Amino acid sequence: MKKIRKIFLIIVIGLGLLVYFHNFNNYPATRGLDSHDHIEYIEYLVDKNRIPRADEGLQMYQPPLYYYFSSRIYILGEVAGVDPLKFVQLVGFLSSLGIILLSYEILRVYFKDKFLIYGSLLFVIFLPILVYEANVITSETLFGFLATLAIYLISVWKDKLSGRRSLFLGVIVGASLLTKYTGVFLFASVIVYYVYGYLRDKELKIIRSGVVFVVACLVVCGWFYVRQFILFGNPFILSNDPSLFPYRQYPGYRDIHFYTNLEGILPLNVFGAEGESFWGGTYNCLWVDTHNTFLPIMEFSKAGALVIYLGLLPTYLLVRGFIRAIRLGVKGKRKKYLFLVVYSVVLFGGYVFYTYKLPFGSSIKTFYFLSAVSCWAVFFGLGFEKMLKWSKEAKYLFLGLLVLLVGLIVKLYWYQSWWLNIGE
């Protein structure tokens, strides 16, 4: 029976990967949230071969690593005589596959049962924010890969962060900061991990390793943030800063009710909750492309609503596993799940601040959490492990509903070229 279950999971994993390859082959390079602005940044680097100022384009405040790398890929595409933007899509596509592979390796660190590992890997593969971001021209996926690589290294090395390992980790985290501002939350989480290690063991070598990490990180990315500060007086300048561009969206409202209102999760208001409820908008964006970067909204809102309701099941396992990780994290000297919990909490806190600072519907975007998908996979696994101990009837009903959810996600996110003609 166990062998049959494993074969079934492997087949479903293969189906999920087939969705990624199909979508890469069919998804237009120019479609996606602010894709034209991201392409403008890449083509600027191709034409002028220098990093732009933040006031030269709507996405040009972004750290340059993804765009510079993509501009070199763009040139290779031109030389090869193929669509250069299709070549650029490879960066996000391969980064997404890298997130999946590293998540698998991280799951192997935390779990021994292969059924549990494969079941948790399915959560990663079929998580819609990864499916629909995989082929969008954006720096989110490359940042997600670099952050996942850092999480993998910390998971494997645990608390044995020597000077040499800290140097390598600093380069990776520095590269993430040179890809997205969000890297600051990864940086802060690693610092917390070093501080905790010192407070636990009282060994001076941990402080030395921490200093090596910080120096390596700053050498990689510090120049860019110094440049931003010199030019604009703010190392984290954004395009909606009034000193650069006027606001392009009508601001929404951010009050206590917005952050405590749970109603947006329950009604079939798939594409409107982001303006009414923090939790509703965030949850809906987790399971459905509410920003219309991938799906034609009107044609698929009903199917999206079904995915949202069934998504409550894996979300329940995720939350339960997160709570369990916190409980397990305070037990024992080494605190196995500490970094996963710390990074998830710090990143979520940054997301709350981001949505408050930028009170727009577009700031409610759960693909902001792509860098924490591997952490979520472990939390899901902890919840999944508990679910497998339920009664046979309850367990198989739950698993059946999860299989139905996977089927709906495949149907919903199997990209169709005729979608481009909707509304014409």
Protein backbone atom coordinates (compact mmCIF):
# COMPACT_ATOMS: atom_id res chain seq x y z
CA MET A 1 0.00 0.00 0.00
CA LYS A 2 2.81 2.38 0.90
CA LYS A 3 4.52 1.65 -2.43
CA ILE A 4 1.30 2.45 -4.33
CA ARG A 5 0.94 5.74 -2.44
CA LYS A 6 4.52 6.73 -3.29
CA ILE A 7 4.05 5.87 -6.98
CA PHE A 8 0.84 7.92 -7.04
CA LEU A 9 2.59 10.92 -5.49
CA ILE A 10 5.49 10.66 -7.95
CA ILE A 11 3.00 10.63 -10.87
CA VAL A 12 1.23 13.71 -9.49
CA ILE A 13 4.58 15.46 -8.99
CA GLY A 14 5.39 14.70 -12.63
CA LEU A 15 2.04 16.18 -13.65
CA GLY A 16 2.84 19.33 -11.71
CA LEU A 17 6.21 19.71 -13.41
CA LEU A 18 4.49 19.15 -16.76
CA VAL A 19 2.28 22.17 -15.98
CA TYR A 20 5.42 24.29 -15.45
CA PHE A 21 6.99 23.19 -18.74
CA HIS A 22 3.74 23.64 -20.66
CA ASN A 23 3.26 27.14 -19.28
CA PHE A 24 6.83 28.13 -20.08
CA ASN A 25 6.26 27.09 -23.67
CA ASN A 26 2.97 29.00 -23.98
CA TYR A 27 2.98 31.94 -21.55
CA PRO A 28 3.64 35.32 -23.27
CA ALA A 29 6.74 37.12 -22.04
CA THR A 30 4.99 40.50 -22.05
CA ARG A 31 2.14 39.41 -19.78
CA GLY A 32 2.35 39.89 -16.02
CA LEU A 33 2.11 42.47 -13.26
CA ASP A 34 4.15 45.51 -14.40
CA SER A 35 5.93 43.25 -16.91
CA HIS A 36 6.46 46.10 -19.40
CA ASP A 37 8.22 48.16 -16.73
CA HIS A 38 10.48 45.23 -15.85
CA ILE A 39 11.25 44.68 -19.54
CA GLU A 40 12.05 48.39 -19.88
CA TYR A 41 14.68 48.01 -17.11
CA ILE A 42 16.25 45.01 -18.89
CA GLU A 43 16.31 46.72 -22.29
CA TYR A 44 17.81 49.85 -20.69
CA LEU A 45 20.74 47.72 -19.50
CA VAL A 46 21.04 46.12 -22.94
CA ASP A 47 21.14 49.50 -24.69
CA LYS A 48 23.18 51.58 -22.22
CA ASN A 49 25.06 48.93 -20.23
CA ARG A 50 24.78 50.88 -16.98
CA ILE A 51 22.55 50.72 -13.93
CA PRO A 52 19.75 53.30 -14.20
CA ARG A 53 18.73 55.84 -11.58
CA ALA A 54 15.52 55.18 -9.69
CA ASP A 55 13.85 58.16 -11.37
CA GLU A 56 14.43 56.85 -14.93
CA GLY A 57 11.60 54.30 -14.92
CA LEU A 58 8.84 52.91 -12.75
CA GLN A 59 10.75 49.74 -11.79
CA MET A 60 14.26 51.18 -11.96
CA TYR A 61 14.46 51.68 -8.20
CA GLN A 62 14.86 47.89 -7.96
CA PRO A 63 18.26 46.36 -7.10
CA PRO A 64 19.99 45.40 -10.35
CA LEU A 65 21.17 41.77 -10.10
CA TYR A 66 18.14 40.12 -11.75
CA TYR A 67 17.92 42.79 -14.44
CA TYR A 68 21.64 42.75 -15.23
CA PHE A 69 21.67 38.97 -15.46
CA SER A 70 18.52 39.04 -17.59
CA SER A 71 20.05 41.65 -19.90
CA ARG A 72 22.97 39.30 -20.61
CA ILE A 73 20.49 36.49 -21.31
CA TYR A 74 18.57 38.91 -23.56
CA ILE A 75 21.73 39.55 -25.61
CA LEU A 76 22.37 35.80 -25.92
CA GLY A 77 18.84 35.40 -27.27
CA GLU A 78 19.49 38.08 -29.89
CA VAL A 79 22.74 36.40 -30.90
CA ALA A 80 20.99 33.02 -31.12
CA GLY A 81 18.29 34.51 -33.33
CA VAL A 82 15.39 33.67 -30.97
CA ASP A 83 12.94 35.85 -29.08
CA PRO A 84 15.20 37.44 -26.42
CA LEU A 85 12.32 37.89 -23.97
CA LYS A 86 11.64 34.16 -24.13
CA PHE A 87 15.25 33.64 -23.11
CA VAL A 88 14.73 36.07 -20.21
CA GLN A 89 11.73 34.01 -19.07
CA LEU A 90 14.17 31.16 -18.50
CA VAL A 91 15.55 33.02 -15.46
CA GLY A 92 12.24 32.91 -13.60
CA PHE A 93 11.38 29.43 -14.87
CA LEU A 94 14.70 27.90 -13.77
CA SER A 95 14.58 29.84 -10.48
CA SER A 96 11.15 28.32 -9.78
CA LEU A 97 12.43 24.82 -10.52
CA GLY A 98 15.36 25.63 -8.22
CA ILE A 99 12.94 26.57 -5.43
CA ILE A 100 11.17 23.23 -5.91
CA LEU A 101 14.43 21.24 -5.89
CA LEU A 102 15.84 23.03 -2.84
CA SER A 103 12.51 22.66 -1.02
CA TYR A 104 12.76 18.92 -1.63
CA GLU A 105 16.27 18.86 -0.18
CA ILE A 106 15.15 20.91 2.83
CA LEU A 107 12.24 18.51 3.42
CA ARG A 108 14.75 15.64 3.41
CA VAL A 109 16.63 17.39 6.21
CA TYR A 110 13.55 17.63 8.42
CA PHE A 111 11.67 14.42 7.54
CA LYS A 112 12.64 10.80 6.94
CA ASP A 113 9.30 9.38 5.71
CA LYS A 114 9.28 9.57 1.90
CA PHE A 115 5.48 9.75 1.69
CA LEU A 116 5.59 12.77 3.98
CA ILE A 117 8.39 14.36 1.92
CA TYR A 118 6.62 13.83 -1.41
CA GLY A 119 3.28 14.96 -0.01
CA SER A 120 4.84 18.18 1.29
CA LEU A 121 6.65 18.69 -2.02
CA LEU A 122 3.26 18.61 -3.76
CA PHE A 123 2.28 21.59 -1.62
CA VAL A 124 5.23 23.52 -3.10
CA ILE A 125 4.71 22.43 -6.71
CA PHE A 126 1.00 23.21 -6.81
CA LEU A 127 1.08 26.38 -4.72
CA PRO A 128 -0.50 28.84 -7.19
CA ILE A 129 1.79 31.77 -6.33
CA LEU A 130 4.74 29.71 -7.58
CA VAL A 131 2.85 28.29 -10.58
CA TYR A 132 1.73 31.67 -11.92
CA GLU A 133 4.93 33.56 -11.07
CA ALA A 134 7.26 30.99 -12.65
CA ASN A 135 7.16 32.57 -16.11
CA VAL A 136 6.53 36.21 -15.27
CA ILE A 137 9.42 38.58 -15.98
CA THR A 138 10.09 39.77 -12.44
CA SER A 139 12.85 39.56 -9.85
CA GLU A 140 10.57 37.77 -7.33
CA THR A 141 11.50 34.24 -8.44
CA LEU A 142 15.28 34.79 -8.51
CA PHE A 143 15.09 36.32 -5.05
CA GLY A 144 12.98 33.37 -3.92
CA PHE A 145 15.63 30.97 -5.20
CA LEU A 146 18.51 32.81 -3.47
CA ALA A 147 16.59 33.00 -0.18
CA THR A 148 15.69 29.30 -0.44
CA LEU A 149 19.36 28.50 -1.06
CA ALA A 150 20.28 30.40 2.12
CA ILE A 151 17.58 28.53 4.08
CA TYR A 152 18.87 25.23 2.70
CA LEU A 153 22.44 26.01 3.78
CA ILE A 154 21.34 26.97 7.28
CA SER A 155 19.17 23.83 7.51
CA VAL A 156 22.06 21.58 6.47
CA TRP A 157 24.78 23.35 8.45
CA LYS A 158 22.48 23.96 11.44
CA ASP A 159 24.53 25.80 14.07
CA LYS A 160 27.92 24.85 12.61
CA LEU A 161 28.45 28.16 10.82
CA SER A 162 32.23 28.42 10.54
CA GLY A 163 33.99 31.46 9.12
CA ARG A 164 34.20 29.93 5.64
CA ARG A 165 30.55 28.90 5.66
CA SER A 166 29.54 32.33 6.97
CA LEU A 167 31.47 33.92 4.11
CA PHE A 168 29.54 31.87 1.55
CA LEU A 169 26.23 32.51 3.31
CA GLY A 170 27.00 36.24 3.33
CA VAL A 171 27.59 36.20 -0.43
CA ILE A 172 24.23 34.45 -1.00
CA VAL A 173 22.28 36.81 1.28
CA GLY A 174 24.12 39.79 -0.22
CA ALA A 175 23.09 38.60 -3.69
CA SER A 176 19.48 38.38 -2.47
CA LEU A 177 19.72 41.99 -1.26
CA LEU A 178 21.07 42.91 -4.66
CA THR A 179 17.94 41.32 -6.17
CA LYS A 180 15.11 42.59 -3.95
CA TYR A 181 14.76 44.96 -1.01
CA THR A 182 12.98 42.04 0.68
CA GLY A 183 16.43 40.56 1.29
CA VAL A 184 16.71 42.85 4.31
CA PHE A 185 14.32 40.53 6.16
CA LEU A 186 16.45 37.51 5.30
CA PHE A 187 19.53 39.42 6.47
CA ALA A 188 17.84 40.38 9.76
CA SER A 189 16.71 36.78 10.35
CA VAL A 190 20.24 35.43 9.88
CA ILE A 191 21.57 38.05 12.31
CA VAL A 192 18.97 36.89 14.87
CA TYR A 193 20.19 33.32 14.30
CA TYR A 194 23.81 34.31 15.00
CA VAL A 195 22.82 36.30 18.10
CA TYR A 196 20.80 33.37 19.42
CA GLY A 197 23.76 31.03 18.80
CA TYR A 198 26.06 33.30 20.81
CA LEU A 199 23.59 33.70 23.69
CA ARG A 200 23.16 29.92 23.79
CA ASP A 201 26.81 28.80 23.58
CA LYS A 202 28.72 31.93 24.72
CA GLU A 203 31.45 31.22 22.16
CA LEU A 204 33.37 34.13 20.66
CA LYS A 205 33.85 32.28 17.36
CA ILE A 206 30.13 32.72 16.68
CA ILE A 207 30.56 36.49 16.86
CA ARG A 208 33.56 36.29 14.51
CA SER A 209 31.55 34.19 12.06
CA GLY A 210 28.69 36.69 12.30
CA VAL A 211 31.06 39.55 11.47
CA VAL A 212 32.35 37.60 8.44
CA PHE A 213 28.75 37.12 7.32
CA VAL A 214 27.91 40.83 7.63
CA VAL A 215 31.10 41.98 5.87
CA ALA A 216 30.60 39.52 2.98
CA CYS A 217 27.00 40.60 2.61
CA LEU A 218 27.87 44.31 2.57
CA VAL A 219 30.70 43.83 0.09
CA VAL A 220 28.26 42.23 -2.35
CA CYS A 221 25.36 44.66 -2.03
CA GLY A 222 26.43 47.64 0.09
CA TRP A 223 27.56 49.78 -2.85
CA PHE A 224 24.06 49.80 -4.35
CA TYR A 225 22.37 50.96 -1.14
CA VAL A 226 25.03 53.63 -0.58
CA ARG A 227 24.39 54.80 -4.15
CA GLN A 228 20.63 55.00 -3.52
CA PHE A 229 21.21 56.98 -0.33
CA ILE A 230 23.60 59.43 -2.01
CA LEU A 231 21.26 60.00 -4.96
CA PHE A 232 17.91 60.08 -3.16
CA GLY A 233 18.55 60.23 0.58
CA ASN A 234 16.86 56.85 1.06
CA PRO A 235 18.54 53.47 0.43
CA PHE A 236 15.10 51.85 -0.01
CA ILE A 237 13.55 54.42 -2.34
CA LEU A 238 10.37 53.26 -4.15
CA SER A 239 8.84 54.39 -7.42
CA ASN A 240 5.74 55.70 -5.64
CA ASP A 241 7.83 58.12 -3.62
CA PRO A 242 6.47 61.59 -4.51
CA SER A 243 10.03 62.77 -5.17
CA LEU A 244 10.24 60.34 -8.10
CA PHE A 245 6.76 59.88 -9.56
CA PRO A 246 3.25 60.94 -8.59
CA TYR A 247 1.02 58.28 -7.14
CA ARG A 248 -0.41 56.08 -9.87
CA GLN A 249 -3.15 54.46 -7.82
CA TYR A 250 -5.90 55.68 -5.57
CA PRO A 251 -4.95 54.87 -2.00
CA GLY A 252 -7.16 52.54 -0.01
CA TYR A 253 -7.82 52.54 3.70
CA ARG A 254 -5.61 50.97 6.31
CA ASP A 255 -7.25 50.90 9.73
CA ILE A 256 -7.83 48.32 12.46
CA HIS A 257 -10.90 47.01 10.67
CA PHE A 258 -8.91 46.33 7.48
CA TYR A 259 -6.40 44.21 9.42
CA THR A 260 -8.97 42.37 11.56
CA ASN A 261 -11.78 41.83 9.03
CA LEU A 262 -12.03 38.12 8.13
CA GLU A 263 -15.11 38.42 5.93
CA GLY A 264 -13.12 38.62 2.70
CA ILE A 265 -12.13 34.95 3.01
CA LEU A 266 -15.68 33.58 3.07
CA PRO A 267 -17.83 35.26 0.35
CA LEU A 268 -17.24 34.55 -3.32
CA ASN A 269 -15.47 37.88 -3.67
CA VAL A 270 -12.34 36.45 -5.22
CA PHE A 271 -11.05 39.60 -6.88
CA GLY A 272 -12.41 42.31 -4.58
CA ALA A 273 -11.33 41.26 -1.10
CA GLU A 274 -7.87 42.85 -1.42
CA GLY A 275 -9.48 46.28 -1.06
CA GLU A 276 -11.60 45.31 1.93
CA SER A 277 -9.63 42.91 4.10
CA PHE A 278 -5.95 42.21 4.72
CA TRP A 279 -6.61 38.55 5.49
CA GLY A 280 -9.15 38.05 2.72
CA GLY A 281 -6.99 39.68 0.06
CA THR A 282 -3.85 37.89 1.23
CA TYR A 283 -5.50 34.48 1.38
CA ASN A 284 -7.24 34.86 -1.98
CA CYS A 285 -4.00 35.92 -3.67
CA LEU A 286 -2.32 32.82 -2.21
CA TRP A 287 -4.65 30.49 -4.11
CA VAL A 288 -5.83 32.53 -7.10
CA ASP A 289 -4.14 35.06 -9.38
CA THR A 290 -6.13 38.04 -8.07
CA HIS A 291 -3.84 40.53 -9.87
CA ASN A 292 -4.64 38.99 -13.26
CA THR A 293 -1.01 38.38 -14.16
CA PHE A 294 -1.89 34.92 -15.46
CA LEU A 295 -5.64 34.24 -15.55
CA PRO A 296 -8.41 36.05 -17.39
CA ILE A 297 -10.47 37.11 -14.38
CA MET A 298 -14.09 36.90 -15.49
CA GLU A 299 -13.82 33.51 -17.16
CA PHE A 300 -12.32 31.76 -14.16
CA SER A 301 -13.70 33.48 -11.05
CA LYS A 302 -16.02 30.56 -10.20
CA ALA A 303 -13.28 27.96 -10.54
CA GLY A 304 -11.05 30.29 -8.55
CA ALA A 305 -13.65 30.45 -5.78
CA LEU A 306 -13.66 26.63 -5.59
CA VAL A 307 -9.87 26.60 -5.29
CA ILE A 308 -10.08 29.23 -2.55
CA TYR A 309 -12.52 27.15 -0.50
CA LEU A 310 -10.58 23.91 -0.95
CA GLY A 311 -7.38 25.84 -0.21
CA LEU A 312 -8.60 26.12 3.38
CA LEU A 313 -7.54 22.47 3.82
CA PRO A 314 -3.78 22.80 3.09
CA THR A 315 -3.83 26.22 4.77
CA TYR A 316 -5.14 24.54 7.92
CA LEU A 317 -2.28 22.02 7.79
CA LEU A 318 0.19 24.87 7.19
CA VAL A 319 -1.02 26.87 10.18
CA ARG A 320 -1.19 23.82 12.42
CA GLY A 321 2.32 22.84 11.38
CA PHE A 322 3.59 26.37 12.03
CA ILE A 323 2.18 26.24 15.57
CA ARG A 324 3.75 22.84 16.04
CA ALA A 325 7.11 24.17 14.78
CA ILE A 326 6.95 26.94 17.38
CA ARG A 327 6.29 24.38 20.10
CA LEU A 328 9.06 22.10 18.90
CA GLY A 329 11.33 25.09 18.40
CA VAL A 330 11.42 25.92 22.09
CA LYS A 331 12.36 22.36 23.06
CA GLY A 332 15.90 21.05 23.13
CA LYS A 333 19.18 22.91 23.00
CA ARG A 334 19.52 23.17 19.22
CA LYS A 335 15.93 24.24 18.44
CA LYS A 336 15.62 22.54 15.07
CA TYR A 337 12.93 24.76 13.55
CA LEU A 338 14.09 28.10 14.97
CA PHE A 339 15.32 29.76 11.78
CA LEU A 340 12.30 28.68 9.72
CA VAL A 341 9.98 30.23 12.30
CA VAL A 342 12.07 33.39 12.71
CA TYR A 343 12.28 34.08 8.98
CA SER A 344 8.59 33.43 8.44
CA VAL A 345 7.63 35.80 11.27
CA VAL A 346 10.06 38.55 10.20
CA LEU A 347 8.96 38.30 6.56
CA PHE A 348 5.29 38.42 7.51
CA GLY A 349 5.94 41.45 9.71
CA GLY A 350 7.62 43.13 6.74
CA TYR A 351 4.60 42.32 4.59
CA VAL A 352 2.21 43.91 7.11
CA PHE A 353 4.39 47.04 7.19
CA TYR A 354 4.53 47.08 3.37
CA THR A 355 0.74 46.95 3.02
CA TYR A 356 0.39 49.72 5.60
CA LYS A 357 3.02 51.95 4.01
CA LEU A 358 1.56 51.41 0.52
CA PRO A 359 -2.23 51.40 1.01
CA PHE A 360 -3.04 50.12 -2.47
CA GLY A 361 -4.81 46.98 -3.65
CA SER A 362 -1.67 46.03 -5.57
CA SER A 363 0.35 45.81 -2.34
CA ILE A 364 -1.77 42.83 -1.23
CA LYS A 365 0.26 40.21 -3.08
CA THR A 366 1.09 36.88 -1.51
CA PHE A 367 3.82 36.06 -4.03
CA TYR A 368 5.84 38.37 -1.78
CA PHE A 369 6.29 35.14 0.24
CA LEU A 370 7.93 33.08 -2.51
CA SER A 371 11.16 33.19 -0.52
CA ALA A 372 9.46 31.41 2.41
CA VAL A 373 7.81 28.61 0.40
CA SER A 374 10.40 26.08 1.63
CA CYS A 375 9.65 27.07 5.24
CA TRP A 376 5.95 26.65 4.52
CA ALA A 377 6.65 23.21 3.04
CA VAL A 378 8.18 22.09 6.34
CA PHE A 379 5.27 23.55 8.32
CA PHE A 380 2.83 21.82 5.96
CA GLY A 381 4.75 18.59 6.51
CA LEU A 382 4.41 18.93 10.28
CA GLY A 383 0.66 19.44 9.90
CA PHE A 384 0.42 16.66 7.30
CA GLU A 385 2.21 14.30 9.69
CA LYS A 386 -0.49 14.88 12.31
CA MET A 387 -3.27 14.50 9.74
CA LEU A 388 -1.97 11.04 8.77
CA LYS A 389 -2.74 9.91 12.33
CA TRP A 390 -6.46 10.73 12.04
CA SER A 391 -9.10 8.04 11.71
CA LYS A 392 -9.10 6.20 8.37
CA GLU A 393 -12.38 7.81 7.22
CA ALA A 394 -11.36 11.36 8.07
CA LYS A 395 -7.88 10.89 6.63
CA TYR A 396 -9.03 9.57 3.26
CA LEU A 397 -11.77 12.20 2.96
CA PHE A 398 -9.17 14.90 3.58
CA LEU A 399 -6.71 13.35 1.11
CA GLY A 400 -9.46 13.02 -1.48
CA LEU A 401 -10.31 16.71 -1.20
CA LEU A 402 -6.62 17.58 -1.54
CA VAL A 403 -6.45 15.52 -4.75
CA LEU A 404 -9.52 17.39 -6.03
CA LEU A 405 -7.76 20.67 -5.23
CA VAL A 406 -4.69 19.58 -7.21
CA GLY A 407 -6.92 18.70 -10.17
CA LEU A 408 -8.61 22.11 -10.08
CA ILE A 409 -5.26 23.89 -9.92
CA VAL A 410 -4.03 21.94 -12.96
CA LYS A 411 -7.19 22.87 -14.84
CA LEU A 412 -7.03 26.49 -13.73
CA TYR A 413 -3.33 27.10 -14.41
CA TRP A 414 -2.79 25.06 -17.59
CA TYR A 415 -2.20 28.14 -19.73
CA GLN A 416 -4.29 28.46 -22.91
CA SER A 417 -3.13 30.76 -25.72
CA TRP A 418 -6.71 31.68 -26.61
CA TRP A 419 -7.03 33.46 -23.24
CA LEU A 420 -5.24 36.39 -24.90
CA ASN A 421 -8.24 36.89 -27.17
CA ILE A 422 -10.79 37.27 -24.38
CA GLY A 423 -12.51 40.65 -24.58
CA GLU A 424 -11.58 41.26 -28.20
